Amino acid sequence: MCLAVPGKLVQWLERRAPFSTAAVEFAGVRRSINMACVPDATEGDYVLVHAGIAISRIDAAEAQRVLSTFAQLGLDQEANETGDPP
């Protein structure tokens, strides 16, 4: 099963394709994410990330709904303990 996790784009690190990367935050943890599939995303947008690659943009309300579901399942706590996004 594949799972994409919503994260908030906080800073573009490199905008030049195919090496575009950005700092994306997951529950307070920032990761460098490949942004080649969503070059039009802007800082503050939420993106769905799978295997270190942002695969699409997602609106803030939907991102919060998914993150709330993760919290209900206890996946947010597991991420905090391991330092990895859920």
C-alpha atoms as a PDB file:
ATOM      1  CA  MET A   1       0.000   0.000   0.000  1.00  0.00           C
ATOM      2  CA  CYS A   2       1.249   3.470  -0.851  1.00  0.00           C
ATOM      3  CA  LEU A   3       0.615   6.466   1.359  1.00  0.00           C
ATOM      4  CA  ALA A   4       1.110  10.134   0.550  1.00  0.00           C
ATOM      5  CA  VAL A   5       1.408  12.487   3.505  1.00  0.00           C
ATOM      6  CA  PRO A   6       0.434  16.176   3.455  1.00  0.00           C
ATOM      7  CA  GLY A   7       3.150  18.638   4.365  1.00  0.00           C
ATOM      8  CA  LYS A   8       3.439  22.415   4.264  1.00  0.00           C
ATOM      9  CA  LEU A   9       5.924  23.965   1.841  1.00  0.00           C
ATOM     10  CA  VAL A  10       7.902  26.401   3.972  1.00  0.00           C
ATOM     11  CA  GLN A  11      10.816  27.369   1.711  1.00  0.00           C
ATOM     12  CA  TRP A  12      11.988  26.757  -1.820  1.00  0.00           C
ATOM     13  CA  LEU A  13      15.603  25.576  -1.812  1.00  0.00           C
ATOM     14  CA  GLU A  14      16.085  25.161  -5.584  1.00  0.00           C
ATOM     15  CA  ARG A  15      13.538  26.069  -8.268  1.00  0.00           C
ATOM     16  CA  ARG A  16      15.526  24.830 -11.281  1.00  0.00           C
ATOM     17  CA  ALA A  17      14.029  21.646 -12.815  1.00  0.00           C
ATOM     18  CA  PRO A  18      14.704  18.737 -12.609  1.00  0.00           C
ATOM     19  CA  PHE A  19      16.493  19.426  -9.325  1.00  0.00           C
ATOM     20  CA  SER A  20      13.779  21.533  -7.718  1.00  0.00           C
ATOM     21  CA  THR A  21      13.614  20.997  -3.965  1.00  0.00           C
ATOM     22  CA  ALA A  22      11.875  22.648  -1.061  1.00  0.00           C
ATOM     23  CA  ALA A  23      11.768  22.424   2.708  1.00  0.00           C
ATOM     24  CA  VAL A  24       8.435  20.811   3.598  1.00  0.00           C
ATOM     25  CA  GLU A  25       7.223  20.582   7.198  1.00  0.00           C
ATOM     26  CA  PHE A  26       5.490  17.553   8.706  1.00  0.00           C
ATOM     27  CA  ALA A  27       4.336  17.966  12.336  1.00  0.00           C
ATOM     28  CA  GLY A  28       7.205  20.345  13.077  1.00  0.00           C
ATOM     29  CA  VAL A  29       9.847  18.282  11.242  1.00  0.00           C
ATOM     30  CA  ARG A  30      11.308  19.748   8.050  1.00  0.00           C
ATOM     31  CA  ARG A  31      12.536  17.607   5.184  1.00  0.00           C
ATOM     32  CA  SER A  32      14.060  18.422   1.820  1.00  0.00           C
ATOM     33  CA  ILE A  33      11.527  17.234  -0.777  1.00  0.00           C
ATOM     34  CA  ASN A  34      11.799  16.874  -4.553  1.00  0.00           C
ATOM     35  CA  MET A  35       9.301  19.292  -6.125  1.00  0.00           C
ATOM     36  CA  ALA A  36       9.661  18.417  -9.831  1.00  0.00           C
ATOM     37  CA  CYS A  37       6.014  17.278 -10.089  1.00  0.00           C
ATOM     38  CA  VAL A  38       4.592  20.460  -8.542  1.00  0.00           C
ATOM     39  CA  PRO A  39       6.752  23.348  -9.797  1.00  0.00           C
ATOM     40  CA  ASP A  40       3.851  25.807  -9.443  1.00  0.00           C
ATOM     41  CA  ALA A  41       3.503  25.294  -5.657  1.00  0.00           C
ATOM     42  CA  THR A  42       4.166  28.350  -3.532  1.00  0.00           C
ATOM     43  CA  GLU A  43       5.371  28.777   0.027  1.00  0.00           C
ATOM     44  CA  GLY A  44       2.462  28.115   2.376  1.00  0.00           C
ATOM     45  CA  ASP A  45       0.849  25.528   0.076  1.00  0.00           C
ATOM     46  CA  TYR A  46       0.256  21.983   1.244  1.00  0.00           C
ATOM     47  CA  VAL A  47       1.623  19.195  -0.928  1.00  0.00           C
ATOM     48  CA  LEU A  48       1.132  15.433  -0.846  1.00  0.00           C
ATOM     49  CA  VAL A  49       4.498  13.703  -0.446  1.00  0.00           C
ATOM     50  CA  HIS A  50       5.268  10.093  -1.288  1.00  0.00           C
ATOM     51  CA  ALA A  51       8.792   8.657  -0.979  1.00  0.00           C
ATOM     52  CA  GLY A  52      10.370  12.117  -0.771  1.00  0.00           C
ATOM     53  CA  ILE A  53       8.587  13.489  -3.841  1.00  0.00           C
ATOM     54  CA  ALA A  54       5.744  16.012  -3.776  1.00  0.00           C
ATOM     55  CA  ILE A  55       3.181  14.499  -6.148  1.00  0.00           C
ATOM     56  CA  SER A  56       0.396  17.115  -5.999  1.00  0.00           C
ATOM     57  CA  ARG A  57      -0.909  20.169  -4.211  1.00  0.00           C
ATOM     58  CA  ILE A  58      -3.730  19.837  -1.702  1.00  0.00           C
ATOM     59  CA  ASP A  59      -5.887  22.563  -0.165  1.00  0.00           C
ATOM     60  CA  ALA A  60      -5.352  23.417   3.503  1.00  0.00           C
ATOM     61  CA  ALA A  61      -8.756  22.104   4.623  1.00  0.00           C
ATOM     62  CA  GLU A  62      -8.150  18.695   3.058  1.00  0.00           C
ATOM     63  CA  ALA A  63      -4.623  18.570   4.517  1.00  0.00           C
ATOM     64  CA  GLN A  64      -6.009  19.266   7.986  1.00  0.00           C
ATOM     65  CA  ARG A  65      -8.663  16.570   7.524  1.00  0.00           C
ATOM     66  CA  VAL A  66      -6.002  13.990   6.641  1.00  0.00           C
ATOM     67  CA  LEU A  67      -3.736  15.076   9.507  1.00  0.00           C
ATOM     68  CA  SER A  68      -6.705  14.880  11.895  1.00  0.00           C
ATOM     69  CA  THR A  69      -7.379  11.330  10.732  1.00  0.00           C
ATOM     70  CA  PHE A  70      -3.707  10.453  11.327  1.00  0.00           C
ATOM     71  CA  ALA A  71      -4.058  11.845  14.865  1.00  0.00           C
ATOM     72  CA  GLN A  72      -7.182   9.771  15.504  1.00  0.00           C
ATOM     73  CA  LEU A  73      -5.279   6.659  14.404  1.00  0.00           C
ATOM     74  CA  GLY A  74      -2.302   7.553  16.597  1.00  0.00           C
ATOM     75  CA  LEU A  75      -0.010   7.948  13.589  1.00  0.00           C
ATOM     76  CA  ASP A  76       0.969  11.487  14.561  1.00  0.00           C
ATOM     77  CA  GLN A  77       2.391  10.294  17.879  1.00  0.00           C
ATOM     78  CA  GLU A  78       4.350   7.550  16.130  1.00  0.00           C
ATOM     79  CA  ALA A  79       5.863  10.170  13.813  1.00  0.00           C
ATOM     80  CA  ASN A  80       6.869  12.337  16.775  1.00  0.00           C
ATOM     81  CA  GLU A  81       8.629   9.388  18.416  1.00  0.00           C
ATOM     82  CA  THR A  82      10.592   8.392  15.307  1.00  0.00           C
ATOM     83  CA  GLY A  83      11.140  11.856  13.819  1.00  0.00           C
ATOM     84  CA  ASP A  84       9.650  10.656  10.536  1.00  0.00           C
ATOM     85  CA  PRO A  85       6.459  11.984   8.938  1.00  0.00           C
ATOM     86  CA  PRO A  86       3.430   9.683   9.398  1.00  0.00           C
END
